[in-house]
């Protein structure tokens, strides 16, 4: 058998194996994604703890320099304004209890959405309420930093309404998602440069 024929036969047997390997995502990518999701969830827990403890030193390491923080009333704060508010105890987070948090990781960026029960204290008193939030994290210096947050207050329901099945849409308001999506797109474009 000629060398050429032997090479053609070997290549025809090897080609399907190469094609299958090329089309299958490596396990390392899945592991990296799961690791990144876990790191984002840890960064979120650490930030919530720092907010409740008024630990501005910890917050300083968990927030991106370009942070845009949008409160439930629509107030926009920069990183320095947010840290100053925590430091001066203008708004005190007494408890933050997130639930149903979904994390999606992209190349150096992560988007987290979820709900949380909040208990806050300000000059008018103590208030408890539920929120739906969207947050964007960016990976800088080997750490996940919060770069955008937007929350929408959920309507307060009476005990009778809470026991009834939900009839309203469970989709978040368009403003929260569009803000986060826009922020994510801008960060991704900046990173691609």
Protein backbone atom coordinates (compact mmCIF):
# COMPACT_ATOMS: atom_id res chain seq x y z
CA UNK A 1 0.00 0.00 0.00
CA UNK A 2 1.37 3.37 -0.93
CA UNK A 3 2.21 5.98 1.66
CA UNK A 4 -0.25 8.39 0.16
CA UNK A 5 -3.09 5.90 0.35
CA UNK A 6 -2.20 5.07 3.95
CA UNK A 7 -2.27 8.77 4.89
CA UNK A 8 -5.67 9.28 3.21
CA UNK A 9 -7.11 6.24 5.02
CA UNK A 10 -5.70 7.40 8.39
CA UNK A 11 -6.96 10.91 7.85
CA UNK A 12 -10.46 9.70 6.99
CA UNK A 13 -10.57 7.71 10.23
CA UNK A 14 -9.09 10.50 12.30
CA UNK A 15 -11.24 13.34 10.87
CA UNK A 16 -14.51 12.42 12.69
CA UNK A 17 -12.64 12.20 16.00
CA UNK A 18 -11.04 15.61 15.45
CA UNK A 19 -14.44 17.07 14.48
CA UNK A 20 -16.12 15.70 17.61
CA UNK A 21 -13.32 17.04 19.84
CA UNK A 22 -13.43 20.45 18.16
CA UNK A 23 -17.20 20.77 18.57
CA UNK A 24 -17.33 19.66 22.19
CA UNK A 25 -16.61 22.43 24.68
CA UNK A 26 -13.78 21.47 26.97
CA UNK A 27 -14.64 20.53 30.53
CA UNK A 28 -12.26 23.21 31.71
CA UNK A 29 -14.61 25.90 30.33
CA UNK A 30 -17.52 24.50 32.32
CA UNK A 31 -15.39 24.34 35.45
CA UNK A 32 -14.18 27.90 34.90
CA UNK A 33 -17.78 29.10 34.47
CA UNK A 34 -18.92 27.36 37.67
CA UNK A 35 -15.92 28.74 39.54
CA UNK A 36 -16.68 32.27 38.29
CA UNK A 37 -20.35 31.92 39.30
CA UNK A 38 -19.28 30.84 42.80
CA UNK A 39 -16.85 33.75 43.06
CA UNK A 40 -19.58 36.24 42.03
CA UNK A 41 -21.98 34.79 44.62
CA UNK A 42 -19.24 35.09 47.27
CA UNK A 43 -18.54 38.72 46.27
CA UNK A 44 -22.27 39.44 46.56
CA UNK A 45 -22.48 37.86 50.06
CA UNK A 46 -19.38 39.77 51.21
CA UNK A 47 -20.81 43.05 49.92
CA UNK A 48 -24.18 42.54 51.59
CA UNK A 49 -22.41 41.68 54.88
CA UNK A 50 -20.22 44.79 54.59
CA UNK A 51 -23.30 46.94 53.91
CA UNK A 52 -25.11 45.58 56.98
CA UNK A 53 -22.03 46.06 59.19
CA UNK A 54 -21.26 49.52 57.73
CA UNK A 55 -17.80 48.17 56.89
CA UNK A 56 -16.58 50.79 54.41
CA UNK A 57 -13.09 49.26 54.33
CA UNK A 58 -14.52 45.99 53.00
CA UNK A 59 -16.81 47.85 50.59
CA UNK A 60 -13.80 49.71 49.25
CA UNK A 61 -12.40 46.37 48.01
CA UNK A 62 -15.73 45.08 46.62
CA UNK A 63 -16.90 48.03 44.50
CA UNK A 64 -15.62 49.04 41.07
CA UNK A 65 -14.37 52.61 40.66
CA UNK A 66 -17.00 53.15 37.96
CA UNK A 67 -19.94 51.94 40.10
CA UNK A 68 -23.44 53.17 39.23
CA UNK A 69 -25.79 52.35 42.12
CA UNK A 70 -29.50 52.93 41.45
CA UNK A 71 -31.78 52.67 44.49
CA UNK A 72 -35.43 51.58 44.40
CA UNK A 73 -36.61 55.20 44.23
CA UNK A 74 -34.43 55.81 41.16
CA UNK A 75 -31.66 57.74 42.93
CA UNK A 76 -28.30 57.25 41.21
CA UNK A 77 -25.12 57.22 43.28
CA UNK A 78 -21.46 56.92 42.36
CA UNK A 79 -19.10 54.68 44.27
CA UNK A 80 -17.92 57.49 46.54
CA UNK A 81 -21.49 58.68 47.20
CA UNK A 82 -22.61 55.15 48.07
CA UNK A 83 -19.69 54.55 50.45
CA UNK A 84 -20.24 57.98 52.04
CA UNK A 85 -23.93 57.17 52.60
CA UNK A 86 -22.95 53.93 54.39
CA UNK A 87 -20.23 55.68 56.39
CA UNK A 88 -22.53 58.49 57.56
CA UNK A 89 -25.35 55.96 58.19
CA UNK A 90 -27.76 58.04 56.14
CA UNK A 91 -29.22 54.70 55.11
CA UNK A 92 -28.55 51.67 57.34
CA UNK A 93 -29.11 48.20 55.92
CA UNK A 94 -30.37 46.21 58.91
CA UNK A 95 -30.95 43.03 56.90
CA UNK A 96 -30.54 41.88 53.32
CA UNK A 97 -31.90 38.42 52.45
CA UNK A 98 -31.39 37.59 48.76
CA UNK A 99 -33.26 34.72 47.09
CA UNK A 100 -33.72 33.26 43.64
CA UNK A 101 -30.38 34.68 42.46
CA UNK A 102 -29.31 33.77 38.92
CA UNK A 103 -25.72 34.43 37.84
CA UNK A 104 -24.59 34.46 34.21
CA UNK A 105 -20.90 34.81 33.43
CA UNK A 106 -19.47 36.26 30.24
CA UNK A 107 -15.89 37.08 29.26
CA UNK A 108 -14.75 39.03 32.34
CA UNK A 109 -18.30 40.20 33.13
CA UNK A 110 -21.13 38.71 35.17
CA UNK A 111 -24.82 39.55 35.38
CA UNK A 112 -26.78 38.58 38.49
CA UNK A 113 -30.54 38.92 38.90
CA UNK A 114 -32.68 38.04 41.87
CA UNK A 115 -34.95 39.08 44.68
CA UNK A 116 -34.24 40.20 48.21
CA UNK A 117 -36.06 41.10 51.38
CA UNK A 118 -34.66 44.34 52.75
CA UNK A 119 -34.91 46.03 56.12
CA UNK A 120 -33.47 49.54 56.13
CA UNK A 121 -33.37 52.47 58.51
CA UNK A 122 -33.15 56.13 57.56
CA UNK A 123 -34.28 59.48 58.99
CA UNK A 124 -37.94 58.54 58.56
CA UNK A 125 -37.67 55.21 60.42
CA UNK A 126 -37.37 51.50 59.68
CA UNK A 127 -38.88 50.00 56.54
CA UNK A 128 -39.12 46.40 55.32
CA UNK A 129 -39.81 45.60 51.67
CA UNK A 130 -39.02 43.23 48.85
CA UNK A 131 -36.97 44.11 45.79
CA UNK A 132 -36.02 42.64 42.46
CA UNK A 133 -32.45 43.52 41.52
CA UNK A 134 -30.03 43.40 38.63
CA UNK A 135 -26.30 43.72 39.20
CA UNK A 136 -23.27 43.69 36.92
CA UNK A 137 -19.82 42.58 38.03
CA UNK A 138 -16.52 43.13 36.25
CA UNK A 139 -13.37 41.10 36.85
CA UNK A 140 -10.41 43.34 37.69
CA UNK A 141 -7.15 42.35 39.34
CA UNK A 142 -8.37 38.78 39.85
CA UNK A 143 -11.52 39.90 41.75
CA UNK A 144 -15.18 40.35 40.88
CA UNK A 145 -16.23 43.96 41.59
CA UNK A 146 -19.75 45.35 41.53
CA UNK A 147 -19.94 47.93 38.75
CA UNK A 148 -23.73 48.42 38.41
CA UNK A 149 -26.75 47.83 40.65
CA UNK A 150 -30.39 48.64 40.04
CA UNK A 151 -33.32 47.59 42.21
CA UNK A 152 -37.07 47.83 41.85
CA UNK A 153 -39.28 47.72 44.92
CA UNK A 154 -41.89 44.97 44.77
CA UNK A 155 -45.45 45.92 45.65
CA UNK A 156 -46.48 45.28 49.25
CA UNK A 157 -49.17 42.66 49.59
CA UNK A 158 -51.57 41.91 52.40
CA UNK A 159 -51.46 38.45 54.01
CA UNK A 160 -54.53 37.42 51.96
CA UNK A 161 -52.87 38.50 48.70
CA UNK A 162 -49.66 36.63 49.54
CA UNK A 163 -51.57 33.36 49.98
CA UNK A 164 -53.21 33.66 46.54
CA UNK A 165 -51.36 32.42 43.45
CA UNK A 166 -49.59 35.21 41.61
CA UNK A 167 -51.52 36.51 38.62
CA UNK A 168 -49.24 39.37 37.68
CA UNK A 169 -46.19 38.90 35.54
CA UNK A 170 -43.05 37.87 37.38
CA UNK A 171 -40.88 39.61 34.82
CA UNK A 172 -38.78 42.50 36.14
CA UNK A 173 -39.59 45.99 34.98
CA UNK A 174 -38.02 46.82 31.65
CA UNK A 175 -36.02 49.72 33.12
CA UNK A 176 -33.93 47.52 35.41
CA UNK A 177 -33.03 45.05 32.68
CA UNK A 178 -32.38 47.67 30.03
CA UNK A 179 -30.08 49.60 32.37
CA UNK A 180 -28.08 46.48 33.23
CA UNK A 181 -28.00 45.27 29.63
CA UNK A 182 -26.78 48.66 28.44
CA UNK A 183 -24.12 48.74 31.17
CA UNK A 184 -23.03 45.19 30.31
CA UNK A 185 -22.79 46.05 26.62
CA UNK A 186 -20.73 49.20 27.33
CA UNK A 187 -18.35 47.30 29.60
CA UNK A 188 -17.99 44.51 27.05
CA UNK A 189 -17.20 47.01 24.26
CA UNK A 190 -14.67 48.84 26.48
CA UNK A 191 -13.03 45.54 27.32
CA UNK A 192 -12.84 44.53 23.65
CA UNK A 193 -10.80 47.62 22.75
